[in-house]
N, C-alpha and C. Protein backbone atom coordinates (compact mmCIF):
# COMPACT_ATOMS: atom_id res chain seq x y z
N MET A 1 145.68 103.68 128.52
CA MET A 1 144.44 104.04 127.85
C MET A 1 144.18 105.53 128.01
N LYS A 2 143.70 106.16 126.95
CA LYS A 2 143.39 107.58 126.99
C LYS A 2 142.11 107.82 127.79
N GLN A 3 141.95 109.05 128.28
CA GLN A 3 140.78 109.41 129.06
C GLN A 3 139.49 109.20 128.25
N TYR A 4 139.55 109.58 126.96
CA TYR A 4 138.38 109.42 126.08
C TYR A 4 137.94 107.96 126.04
N ASP A 5 138.91 107.04 125.89
CA ASP A 5 138.59 105.61 125.83
C ASP A 5 138.03 105.12 127.16
N LEU A 6 138.57 105.62 128.26
CA LEU A 6 138.07 105.24 129.58
C LEU A 6 136.64 105.72 129.77
N ASP A 7 136.35 106.94 129.31
CA ASP A 7 135.00 107.49 129.42
C ASP A 7 134.01 106.66 128.60
N ARG A 8 134.41 106.29 127.39
CA ARG A 8 133.55 105.46 126.54
C ARG A 8 133.30 104.11 127.19
N LEU A 9 134.34 103.51 127.71
CA LEU A 9 134.21 102.22 128.37
C LEU A 9 133.25 102.32 129.56
N ARG A 10 133.36 103.39 130.34
CA ARG A 10 132.47 103.62 131.48
C ARG A 10 131.02 103.74 131.01
N LEU A 11 130.79 104.46 129.89
CA LEU A 11 129.42 104.61 129.37
C LEU A 11 128.86 103.28 128.88
N PHE A 12 129.67 102.47 128.21
CA PHE A 12 129.20 101.19 127.73
C PHE A 12 128.89 100.24 128.89
N LYS A 13 129.69 100.28 129.92
CA LYS A 13 129.41 99.44 131.10
C LYS A 13 128.12 99.91 131.78
N CYS A 14 127.94 101.22 131.85
CA CYS A 14 126.71 101.78 132.41
C CYS A 14 125.50 101.31 131.59
N PHE A 15 125.62 101.37 130.27
CA PHE A 15 124.54 100.91 129.38
C PHE A 15 124.21 99.46 129.67
N ASP A 16 125.23 98.60 129.69
CA ASP A 16 125.00 97.17 129.91
C ASP A 16 124.27 96.91 131.22
N GLU A 17 124.73 97.55 132.28
CA GLU A 17 124.10 97.35 133.59
C GLU A 17 122.68 97.91 133.64
N THR A 18 122.47 99.04 132.99
CA THR A 18 121.15 99.66 132.97
C THR A 18 120.16 98.80 132.20
N VAL A 19 120.60 98.24 131.08
CA VAL A 19 119.73 97.35 130.30
C VAL A 19 119.35 96.13 131.14
N LYS A 20 120.32 95.53 131.81
CA LYS A 20 120.03 94.37 132.67
C LYS A 20 118.97 94.71 133.70
N THR A 21 119.06 95.90 134.27
CA THR A 21 118.12 96.32 135.30
C THR A 21 116.71 96.53 134.72
N TYR A 22 116.59 97.33 133.68
CA TYR A 22 115.28 97.72 133.16
C TYR A 22 114.62 96.66 132.28
N PHE A 23 115.38 95.75 131.74
CA PHE A 23 114.80 94.70 130.90
C PHE A 23 114.73 93.36 131.62
N ASP A 24 114.89 93.39 132.92
CA ASP A 24 114.80 92.18 133.74
C ASP A 24 113.43 91.51 133.60
N PHE A 25 112.39 92.30 133.30
CA PHE A 25 111.03 91.76 133.15
C PHE A 25 110.96 90.69 132.06
N LEU A 26 111.90 90.70 131.12
CA LEU A 26 111.88 89.72 130.03
C LEU A 26 112.19 88.30 130.52
N LYS A 27 112.91 88.19 131.62
CA LYS A 27 113.22 86.86 132.17
C LYS A 27 111.95 86.13 132.58
N GLN A 28 110.95 86.90 133.04
CA GLN A 28 109.66 86.30 133.41
C GLN A 28 108.91 85.78 132.18
N LYS A 29 109.29 86.26 131.01
CA LYS A 29 108.67 85.83 129.75
C LYS A 29 109.51 84.75 129.06
N GLN A 30 110.40 84.12 129.80
CA GLN A 30 111.25 83.03 129.30
C GLN A 30 112.31 83.51 128.30
N TYR A 31 112.80 84.72 128.49
CA TYR A 31 113.88 85.23 127.65
C TYR A 31 115.21 84.99 128.35
N MET A 32 116.21 84.67 127.55
CA MET A 32 117.56 84.48 128.06
C MET A 32 118.38 85.73 127.73
N PHE A 33 119.22 86.14 128.66
CA PHE A 33 120.10 87.29 128.47
C PHE A 33 121.36 86.83 127.75
N CYS A 34 121.80 87.63 126.75
CA CYS A 34 123.03 87.33 126.03
C CYS A 34 123.71 88.64 125.67
N LYS A 35 124.90 88.84 126.16
CA LYS A 35 125.66 90.04 125.81
C LYS A 35 126.55 89.70 124.63
N ILE A 36 126.37 90.41 123.54
CA ILE A 36 127.17 90.18 122.33
C ILE A 36 128.53 90.85 122.50
N ARG A 37 128.49 92.11 122.88
CA ARG A 37 129.71 92.90 123.14
C ARG A 37 129.27 94.12 123.93
N GLU A 38 130.22 94.92 124.36
CA GLU A 38 129.88 96.17 125.05
C GLU A 38 128.92 96.96 124.18
N GLY A 39 127.78 97.34 124.73
CA GLY A 39 126.84 98.17 124.00
C GLY A 39 125.91 97.41 123.06
N HIS A 40 125.88 96.09 123.14
CA HIS A 40 124.97 95.30 122.30
C HIS A 40 124.50 94.11 123.12
N ILE A 41 123.25 94.18 123.53
CA ILE A 41 122.68 93.13 124.37
C ILE A 41 121.48 92.51 123.66
N VAL A 42 121.37 91.20 123.76
CA VAL A 42 120.26 90.47 123.16
C VAL A 42 119.55 89.68 124.25
N TYR A 43 118.22 89.75 124.21
CA TYR A 43 117.38 88.86 124.99
C TYR A 43 116.71 87.95 123.97
N SER A 44 116.73 86.65 124.22
CA SER A 44 116.25 85.70 123.24
C SER A 44 115.27 84.71 123.86
N SER A 45 114.15 84.50 123.16
CA SER A 45 113.20 83.45 123.53
C SER A 45 113.20 82.44 122.40
N LEU A 46 112.34 81.45 122.45
CA LEU A 46 112.28 80.47 121.37
C LEU A 46 111.87 81.11 120.05
N MET A 47 111.03 82.16 120.12
CA MET A 47 110.49 82.75 118.89
C MET A 47 111.05 84.12 118.54
N VAL A 48 111.57 84.85 119.54
CA VAL A 48 111.88 86.26 119.33
C VAL A 48 113.26 86.61 119.88
N ASN A 49 113.95 87.51 119.16
CA ASN A 49 115.16 88.16 119.67
C ASN A 49 114.85 89.63 119.90
N ILE A 50 115.28 90.15 121.04
CA ILE A 50 115.18 91.58 121.31
C ILE A 50 116.60 92.09 121.49
N GLU A 51 117.01 93.01 120.61
CA GLU A 51 118.36 93.55 120.65
C GLU A 51 118.32 95.01 121.06
N ILE A 52 119.15 95.33 122.03
CA ILE A 52 119.27 96.71 122.48
C ILE A 52 120.69 97.14 122.20
N TYR A 53 120.84 98.26 121.44
CA TYR A 53 122.14 98.74 121.00
C TYR A 53 122.44 100.10 121.61
N TYR A 54 123.70 100.30 121.90
CA TYR A 54 124.20 101.63 122.24
C TYR A 54 125.16 101.98 121.11
N GLU A 55 124.72 102.82 120.21
CA GLU A 55 125.45 103.12 118.97
C GLU A 55 126.80 103.75 119.30
N ARG A 56 127.84 103.23 118.71
CA ARG A 56 129.20 103.62 119.06
C ARG A 56 129.64 104.98 118.53
N ILE A 57 128.96 105.51 117.53
CA ILE A 57 129.35 106.81 116.99
C ILE A 57 128.41 107.91 117.48
N SER A 58 127.11 107.70 117.31
CA SER A 58 126.14 108.74 117.69
C SER A 58 125.73 108.67 119.15
N PHE A 59 126.02 107.57 119.82
CA PHE A 59 125.65 107.32 121.20
C PHE A 59 124.13 107.26 121.40
N GLU A 60 123.40 106.94 120.34
CA GLU A 60 121.96 106.76 120.45
C GLU A 60 121.67 105.33 120.86
N ILE A 61 120.52 105.14 121.49
CA ILE A 61 120.13 103.82 121.98
C ILE A 61 118.93 103.35 121.16
N TYR A 62 119.02 102.14 120.63
CA TYR A 62 117.99 101.57 119.77
C TYR A 62 117.53 100.23 120.31
N LEU A 63 116.33 99.86 119.95
CA LEU A 63 115.83 98.52 120.23
C LEU A 63 115.25 97.96 118.94
N GLU A 64 115.63 96.73 118.63
CA GLU A 64 115.07 96.05 117.47
C GLU A 64 114.58 94.68 117.94
N ILE A 65 113.41 94.31 117.49
CA ILE A 65 112.82 93.03 117.88
C ILE A 65 112.56 92.21 116.62
N THR A 66 112.97 90.94 116.65
CA THR A 66 112.91 90.10 115.45
C THR A 66 112.16 88.81 115.74
N LEU A 67 111.19 88.52 114.88
CA LEU A 67 110.52 87.23 114.90
C LEU A 67 111.43 86.27 114.14
N LYS A 68 112.06 85.35 114.85
CA LYS A 68 113.17 84.56 114.30
C LYS A 68 112.80 83.76 113.05
N LYS A 69 111.80 82.91 113.16
CA LYS A 69 111.49 81.98 112.07
C LYS A 69 111.15 82.72 110.78
N GLN A 70 110.38 83.79 110.89
CA GLN A 70 109.96 84.56 109.70
C GLN A 70 110.97 85.64 109.33
N ASN A 71 111.93 85.88 110.20
CA ASN A 71 112.95 86.91 110.00
C ASN A 71 112.33 88.28 109.70
N ILE A 72 111.33 88.64 110.50
CA ILE A 72 110.69 89.95 110.40
C ILE A 72 111.16 90.77 111.58
N SER A 73 111.73 91.95 111.30
CA SER A 73 112.25 92.81 112.36
C SER A 73 111.54 94.14 112.37
N CYS A 74 111.50 94.75 113.56
CA CYS A 74 110.98 96.11 113.67
C CYS A 74 111.65 96.80 114.85
N SER A 75 111.72 98.11 114.74
CA SER A 75 112.31 98.91 115.82
C SER A 75 111.22 99.33 116.79
N ILE A 76 111.62 99.84 117.92
CA ILE A 76 110.65 100.33 118.89
C ILE A 76 109.84 101.48 118.30
N ASP A 77 110.45 102.30 117.47
CA ASP A 77 109.73 103.42 116.85
C ASP A 77 108.70 102.92 115.85
N GLU A 78 109.00 101.86 115.13
CA GLU A 78 108.02 101.30 114.20
C GLU A 78 106.85 100.69 114.95
N ILE A 79 107.11 100.10 116.09
CA ILE A 79 106.02 99.58 116.93
C ILE A 79 105.14 100.74 117.39
N ILE A 80 105.75 101.82 117.83
CA ILE A 80 105.01 102.99 118.28
C ILE A 80 104.12 103.51 117.14
N LYS A 81 104.69 103.67 115.95
CA LYS A 81 103.92 104.17 114.80
C LYS A 81 102.76 103.25 114.46
N SER A 82 103.02 101.94 114.46
CA SER A 82 101.97 100.99 114.06
C SER A 82 100.83 100.96 115.07
N GLN A 83 101.14 101.28 116.30
CA GLN A 83 100.12 101.27 117.36
C GLN A 83 99.44 102.63 117.50
N HIS A 84 99.94 103.64 116.78
CA HIS A 84 99.40 105.00 116.84
C HIS A 84 99.48 105.58 118.26
N PHE A 85 100.53 105.24 118.98
CA PHE A 85 100.73 105.77 120.32
C PHE A 85 101.64 106.99 120.21
N LEU A 86 101.08 108.07 119.76
CA LEU A 86 101.89 109.26 119.51
C LEU A 86 102.43 109.88 120.79
N GLN A 87 101.78 109.59 121.93
CA GLN A 87 102.32 110.14 123.18
C GLN A 87 103.67 109.52 123.52
N TRP A 88 104.00 108.41 122.87
CA TRP A 88 105.29 107.76 123.12
C TRP A 88 106.34 108.18 122.10
N LYS A 89 106.00 109.10 121.23
CA LYS A 89 106.96 109.48 120.18
C LYS A 89 108.30 109.86 120.80
N ARG A 90 109.31 109.11 120.40
CA ARG A 90 110.64 109.34 120.95
C ARG A 90 111.41 110.33 120.11
N VAL A 91 112.21 111.10 120.77
CA VAL A 91 113.14 111.98 120.08
C VAL A 91 114.52 111.45 120.41
N TYR A 92 115.23 110.97 119.39
CA TYR A 92 116.55 110.43 119.65
C TYR A 92 117.52 111.54 120.01
N THR A 93 118.14 111.36 121.14
CA THR A 93 119.21 112.26 121.53
C THR A 93 120.40 111.40 121.90
N SER A 94 121.53 111.95 121.79
CA SER A 94 122.72 111.20 122.16
C SER A 94 122.75 111.02 123.67
N ALA A 95 122.93 109.79 124.07
CA ALA A 95 123.04 109.48 125.50
C ALA A 95 124.53 109.47 125.84
N THR A 96 125.03 110.61 126.25
CA THR A 96 126.47 110.76 126.46
C THR A 96 126.85 110.83 127.93
N THR A 97 125.87 110.66 128.80
CA THR A 97 126.14 110.62 130.23
C THR A 97 125.41 109.42 130.83
N GLU A 98 125.81 109.04 132.01
CA GLU A 98 125.13 107.93 132.69
C GLU A 98 123.66 108.26 132.92
N LYS A 99 123.37 109.51 133.21
CA LYS A 99 121.99 109.94 133.44
C LYS A 99 121.14 109.79 132.17
N THR A 100 121.66 110.23 131.02
CA THR A 100 120.88 110.13 129.78
C THR A 100 120.79 108.68 129.30
N ILE A 101 121.78 107.87 129.58
CA ILE A 101 121.69 106.44 129.26
C ILE A 101 120.54 105.83 130.05
N CYS A 102 120.52 106.10 131.34
CA CYS A 102 119.48 105.56 132.21
C CYS A 102 118.09 106.01 131.76
N LYS A 103 117.96 107.29 131.40
CA LYS A 103 116.68 107.83 130.94
C LYS A 103 116.22 107.14 129.66
N SER A 104 117.11 107.02 128.68
CA SER A 104 116.74 106.41 127.39
C SER A 104 116.38 104.94 127.55
N VAL A 105 117.21 104.20 128.26
CA VAL A 105 116.95 102.76 128.45
C VAL A 105 115.64 102.55 129.20
N SER A 106 115.42 103.32 130.25
CA SER A 106 114.18 103.14 131.02
C SER A 106 112.95 103.49 130.18
N GLU A 107 113.07 104.52 129.34
CA GLU A 107 111.96 104.92 128.46
C GLU A 107 111.64 103.81 127.46
N ILE A 108 112.67 103.24 126.85
CA ILE A 108 112.45 102.17 125.87
C ILE A 108 111.83 100.95 126.55
N ALA A 109 112.32 100.60 127.72
CA ALA A 109 111.77 99.45 128.45
C ALA A 109 110.30 99.69 128.81
N GLU A 110 109.99 100.90 129.24
CA GLU A 110 108.61 101.25 129.60
C GLU A 110 107.69 101.15 128.38
N ILE A 111 108.15 101.65 127.25
CA ILE A 111 107.36 101.58 126.02
C ILE A 111 107.13 100.12 125.63
N LEU A 112 108.19 99.32 125.66
CA LEU A 112 108.07 97.92 125.28
C LEU A 112 107.08 97.19 126.19
N GLN A 113 107.15 97.45 127.48
CA GLN A 113 106.21 96.82 128.41
C GLN A 113 104.78 97.29 128.18
N SER A 114 104.62 98.57 127.85
CA SER A 114 103.28 99.15 127.71
C SER A 114 102.57 98.75 126.43
N ILE A 115 103.28 98.77 125.31
CA ILE A 115 102.60 98.52 124.04
C ILE A 115 103.23 97.40 123.21
N GLY A 116 104.24 96.73 123.75
CA GLY A 116 104.96 95.74 122.95
C GLY A 116 104.71 94.30 123.32
N SER A 117 103.69 94.02 124.13
CA SER A 117 103.50 92.64 124.59
C SER A 117 103.26 91.66 123.44
N LYS A 118 102.56 92.08 122.40
CA LYS A 118 102.32 91.18 121.25
C LYS A 118 103.64 90.80 120.58
N TYR A 119 104.56 91.75 120.53
CA TYR A 119 105.85 91.51 119.90
C TYR A 119 106.72 90.63 120.79
N ILE A 120 106.68 90.91 122.08
CA ILE A 120 107.42 90.08 123.04
C ILE A 120 106.94 88.63 122.97
N ASP A 121 105.62 88.45 122.80
CA ASP A 121 105.03 87.11 122.76
C ASP A 121 105.15 86.44 121.39
N GLY A 122 105.67 87.17 120.39
CA GLY A 122 105.88 86.59 119.08
C GLY A 122 104.63 86.52 118.22
N ASP A 123 103.69 87.44 118.40
CA ASP A 123 102.46 87.48 117.62
C ASP A 123 102.79 87.86 116.17
N ILE A 124 102.69 86.88 115.28
CA ILE A 124 103.09 87.10 113.89
C ILE A 124 102.26 88.19 113.24
N GLU A 125 100.98 88.31 113.59
CA GLU A 125 100.12 89.33 112.97
C GLU A 125 100.61 90.73 113.33
N ALA A 126 101.04 90.92 114.56
CA ALA A 126 101.57 92.23 114.98
C ALA A 126 102.80 92.59 114.14
N PHE A 127 103.68 91.63 113.95
CA PHE A 127 104.88 91.86 113.13
C PHE A 127 104.51 92.15 111.68
N ARG A 128 103.52 91.45 111.17
CA ARG A 128 103.10 91.65 109.78
C ARG A 128 102.51 93.05 109.58
N ILE A 129 101.79 93.55 110.57
CA ILE A 129 101.22 94.90 110.48
C ILE A 129 102.36 95.92 110.32
N VAL A 130 103.40 95.76 111.15
CA VAL A 130 104.54 96.67 111.07
C VAL A 130 105.24 96.52 109.71
N GLN A 131 105.41 95.28 109.26
CA GLN A 131 106.08 95.03 107.98
C GLN A 131 105.29 95.65 106.83
N THR A 132 103.98 95.53 106.87
CA THR A 132 103.13 96.12 105.83
C THR A 132 103.28 97.64 105.81
N LYS A 133 103.28 98.23 107.00
CA LYS A 133 103.44 99.69 107.10
C LYS A 133 104.81 100.12 106.58
N LYS A 134 105.86 99.37 106.94
CA LYS A 134 107.21 99.68 106.45
C LYS A 134 107.27 99.60 104.93
N ASN A 135 106.66 98.56 104.37
CA ASN A 135 106.66 98.40 102.91
C ASN A 135 105.92 99.55 102.24
N ALA A 136 104.79 99.97 102.81
CA ALA A 136 104.02 101.07 102.24
C ALA A 136 104.83 102.37 102.28
N GLU A 137 105.49 102.63 103.42
CA GLU A 137 106.33 103.84 103.54
C GLU A 137 107.48 103.79 102.54
N HIS A 138 108.06 102.63 102.36
CA HIS A 138 109.15 102.47 101.40
C HIS A 138 108.66 102.77 99.98
N ASN A 139 107.48 102.25 99.64
CA ASN A 139 106.92 102.48 98.31
C ASN A 139 106.62 103.96 98.08
N VAL A 140 106.15 104.65 99.11
CA VAL A 140 105.90 106.09 99.00
C VAL A 140 107.20 106.83 98.74
N LEU A 141 108.26 106.46 99.46
CA LEU A 141 109.56 107.09 99.24
C LEU A 141 110.08 106.85 97.82
N LEU A 142 109.91 105.63 97.33
CA LEU A 142 110.34 105.33 95.97
C LEU A 142 109.55 106.15 94.95
N LEU A 143 108.24 106.28 95.18
CA LEU A 143 107.41 107.08 94.27
C LEU A 143 107.83 108.55 94.31
N LYS A 144 108.07 109.08 95.50
CA LYS A 144 108.50 110.47 95.62
C LYS A 144 109.82 110.69 94.86
N LYS A 145 110.72 109.76 94.98
CA LYS A 145 112.01 109.85 94.27
C LYS A 145 111.78 109.82 92.76
N ARG A 146 110.93 108.91 92.33
CA ARG A 146 110.63 108.79 90.90
C ARG A 146 110.02 110.09 90.36
N LEU A 147 109.07 110.65 91.12
CA LEU A 147 108.43 111.90 90.71
C LEU A 147 109.42 113.06 90.68
N SER A 148 110.28 113.11 91.68
CA SER A 148 111.28 114.17 91.75
C SER A 148 112.25 114.08 90.58
N ASP A 149 112.70 112.87 90.29
CA ASP A 149 113.62 112.67 89.16
C ASP A 149 112.96 113.06 87.84
N ALA A 150 111.70 112.67 87.68
CA ALA A 150 110.97 113.01 86.44
C ALA A 150 110.80 114.52 86.32
N GLU A 151 110.50 115.18 87.43
CA GLU A 151 110.31 116.64 87.40
C GLU A 151 111.61 117.35 87.05
N LYS A 152 112.72 116.90 87.61
CA LYS A 152 114.02 117.51 87.28
C LYS A 152 114.33 117.35 85.79
N ARG A 153 114.09 116.15 85.31
CA ARG A 153 114.36 115.87 83.89
C ARG A 153 113.45 116.72 82.99
N ALA A 154 112.17 116.80 83.36
CA ALA A 154 111.22 117.57 82.56
C ALA A 154 111.54 119.06 82.61
N THR A 155 111.92 119.57 83.77
CA THR A 155 112.23 120.99 83.92
C THR A 155 113.43 121.36 83.05
N LEU A 156 114.47 120.55 83.10
CA LEU A 156 115.66 120.82 82.29
C LEU A 156 115.30 120.75 80.79
N SER A 157 114.54 119.74 80.43
CA SER A 157 114.14 119.58 79.02
C SER A 157 113.25 120.74 78.58
N TRP A 158 112.38 121.20 79.45
CA TRP A 158 111.50 122.33 79.14
C TRP A 158 112.32 123.59 78.85
N ARG A 159 113.32 123.83 79.70
CA ARG A 159 114.20 124.99 79.50
C ARG A 159 114.93 124.93 78.17
N ASN A 160 115.29 123.72 77.78
CA ASN A 160 116.02 123.53 76.53
C ASN A 160 115.09 123.36 75.33
N LYS A 161 113.80 123.49 75.59
CA LYS A 161 112.77 123.32 74.55
C LYS A 161 112.85 121.96 73.87
N ASP A 162 113.26 120.96 74.67
CA ASP A 162 113.33 119.58 74.18
C ASP A 162 112.02 118.90 74.58
N TYR A 163 110.99 119.18 73.79
CA TYR A 163 109.64 118.75 74.15
C TYR A 163 109.46 117.24 74.14
N ALA A 164 110.20 116.56 73.30
CA ALA A 164 110.13 115.09 73.27
C ALA A 164 110.59 114.51 74.61
N GLU A 165 111.63 115.10 75.21
CA GLU A 165 112.12 114.63 76.51
C GLU A 165 111.14 114.96 77.63
N VAL A 166 110.47 116.10 77.54
CA VAL A 166 109.45 116.44 78.53
C VAL A 166 108.35 115.38 78.49
N ILE A 167 107.94 115.02 77.29
CA ILE A 167 106.91 114.00 77.13
C ILE A 167 107.37 112.67 77.73
N LYS A 168 108.61 112.30 77.45
CA LYS A 168 109.16 111.04 78.00
C LYS A 168 109.22 111.06 79.53
N ALA A 169 109.51 112.22 80.08
CA ALA A 169 109.60 112.33 81.54
C ALA A 169 108.22 112.28 82.20
N TYR A 170 107.25 112.97 81.60
CA TYR A 170 105.93 113.11 82.23
C TYR A 170 104.96 111.97 81.94
N ASN A 171 105.01 111.38 80.76
CA ASN A 171 104.03 110.35 80.41
C ASN A 171 103.94 109.20 81.42
N PRO A 172 105.05 108.63 81.87
CA PRO A 172 104.95 107.49 82.80
C PRO A 172 104.34 107.86 84.16
N ILE A 173 104.32 109.15 84.50
CA ILE A 173 103.79 109.55 85.81
C ILE A 173 102.56 110.44 85.66
N TYR A 174 101.87 110.29 84.55
CA TYR A 174 100.75 111.18 84.21
C TYR A 174 99.75 111.32 85.36
N GLU A 175 99.39 110.21 85.98
CA GLU A 175 98.36 110.25 87.04
C GLU A 175 98.78 111.09 88.26
N TYR A 176 100.05 111.36 88.40
CA TYR A 176 100.55 112.13 89.55
C TYR A 176 100.87 113.59 89.20
N LEU A 177 100.70 113.96 87.97
CA LEU A 177 101.06 115.32 87.55
C LEU A 177 100.11 116.36 88.15
N THR A 178 100.67 117.51 88.44
CA THR A 178 99.86 118.65 88.88
C THR A 178 99.18 119.25 87.64
N PRO A 179 98.17 120.08 87.83
CA PRO A 179 97.53 120.73 86.67
C PRO A 179 98.54 121.50 85.81
N THR A 180 99.49 122.17 86.43
CA THR A 180 100.51 122.91 85.67
C THR A 180 101.37 121.96 84.84
N GLN A 181 101.78 120.86 85.44
CA GLN A 181 102.60 119.88 84.72
C GLN A 181 101.82 119.28 83.55
N ARG A 182 100.53 119.04 83.76
CA ARG A 182 99.70 118.48 82.68
C ARG A 182 99.58 119.47 81.51
N ARG A 183 99.45 120.75 81.85
CA ARG A 183 99.39 121.76 80.78
C ARG A 183 100.71 121.80 80.00
N LYS A 184 101.83 121.68 80.72
CA LYS A 184 103.13 121.63 80.03
C LYS A 184 103.19 120.43 79.09
N LEU A 185 102.75 119.28 79.61
CA LEU A 185 102.77 118.06 78.80
C LEU A 185 101.90 118.23 77.55
N GLU A 186 100.70 118.76 77.74
CA GLU A 186 99.79 118.98 76.60
C GLU A 186 100.42 119.94 75.59
N TYR A 187 101.05 120.98 76.08
CA TYR A 187 101.72 121.93 75.19
C TYR A 187 102.82 121.22 74.39
N CYS A 188 103.62 120.40 75.09
CA CYS A 188 104.71 119.68 74.42
C CYS A 188 104.18 118.72 73.37
N ILE A 189 103.07 118.06 73.66
CA ILE A 189 102.48 117.13 72.70
C ILE A 189 102.00 117.90 71.47
N ARG A 190 101.35 119.06 71.70
CA ARG A 190 100.91 119.90 70.56
C ARG A 190 102.10 120.36 69.73
N GLU A 191 103.14 120.83 70.40
CA GLU A 191 104.34 121.29 69.68
C GLU A 191 104.97 120.17 68.87
N GLN A 192 105.02 118.98 69.48
CA GLN A 192 105.60 117.83 68.77
C GLN A 192 104.77 117.48 67.55
N SER A 193 103.45 117.51 67.69
CA SER A 193 102.60 117.13 66.54
C SER A 193 102.63 118.22 65.47
N THR A 194 102.81 119.49 65.88
CA THR A 194 102.91 120.58 64.91
C THR A 194 104.23 120.50 64.15
N ASN A 195 105.29 120.22 64.86
CA ASN A 195 106.64 120.18 64.24
C ASN A 195 106.90 118.86 63.52
N ASN A 196 106.20 117.82 63.92
CA ASN A 196 106.40 116.51 63.29
C ASN A 196 105.06 115.94 62.86
N PRO A 197 104.37 116.55 61.92
CA PRO A 197 103.07 116.02 61.50
C PRO A 197 103.24 114.66 60.83
N SER A 198 102.29 113.80 61.09
CA SER A 198 102.36 112.43 60.54
C SER A 198 101.98 112.39 59.09
């Protein structure tokens, strides 16, 4: 085995042992320990799975908690956001040493114990709050993409003096247009009606 492989194996073993140590509190909550593979540990109760990962490429450590029956999942960061506990805001760094593995795992365990009891206990309302927030963020991203695509299309069409295409790009997103974009749209509509009178 190469030294690199031995070092990785040592880090994954360190991760596994560290998780067992810091997440031992879950046994008191009727969770069973299950190791899927090196760097992937699951604690499971009747209602909830808690998965702790040591990412094999970036060496980042993640926690995901899933309400089994409803199949609703959230990460530790989504729990933090939903609870508005900004003092717990994590900055992902690669855990490439035993010391940084220990620090990351202990931090995640502390956060879960401090603000994650509803999730550990399988409180469906807590999971739904996170799911609603995730859906809203997703919708915002989709809208931003739609607006960006429309603006690119309108800008190119404006340069080419293709006013009909500017109208097609801007009309569906009229309520989101800036004052400048609305003036462009109005100009294009006037030009179209002047050039194509009914």
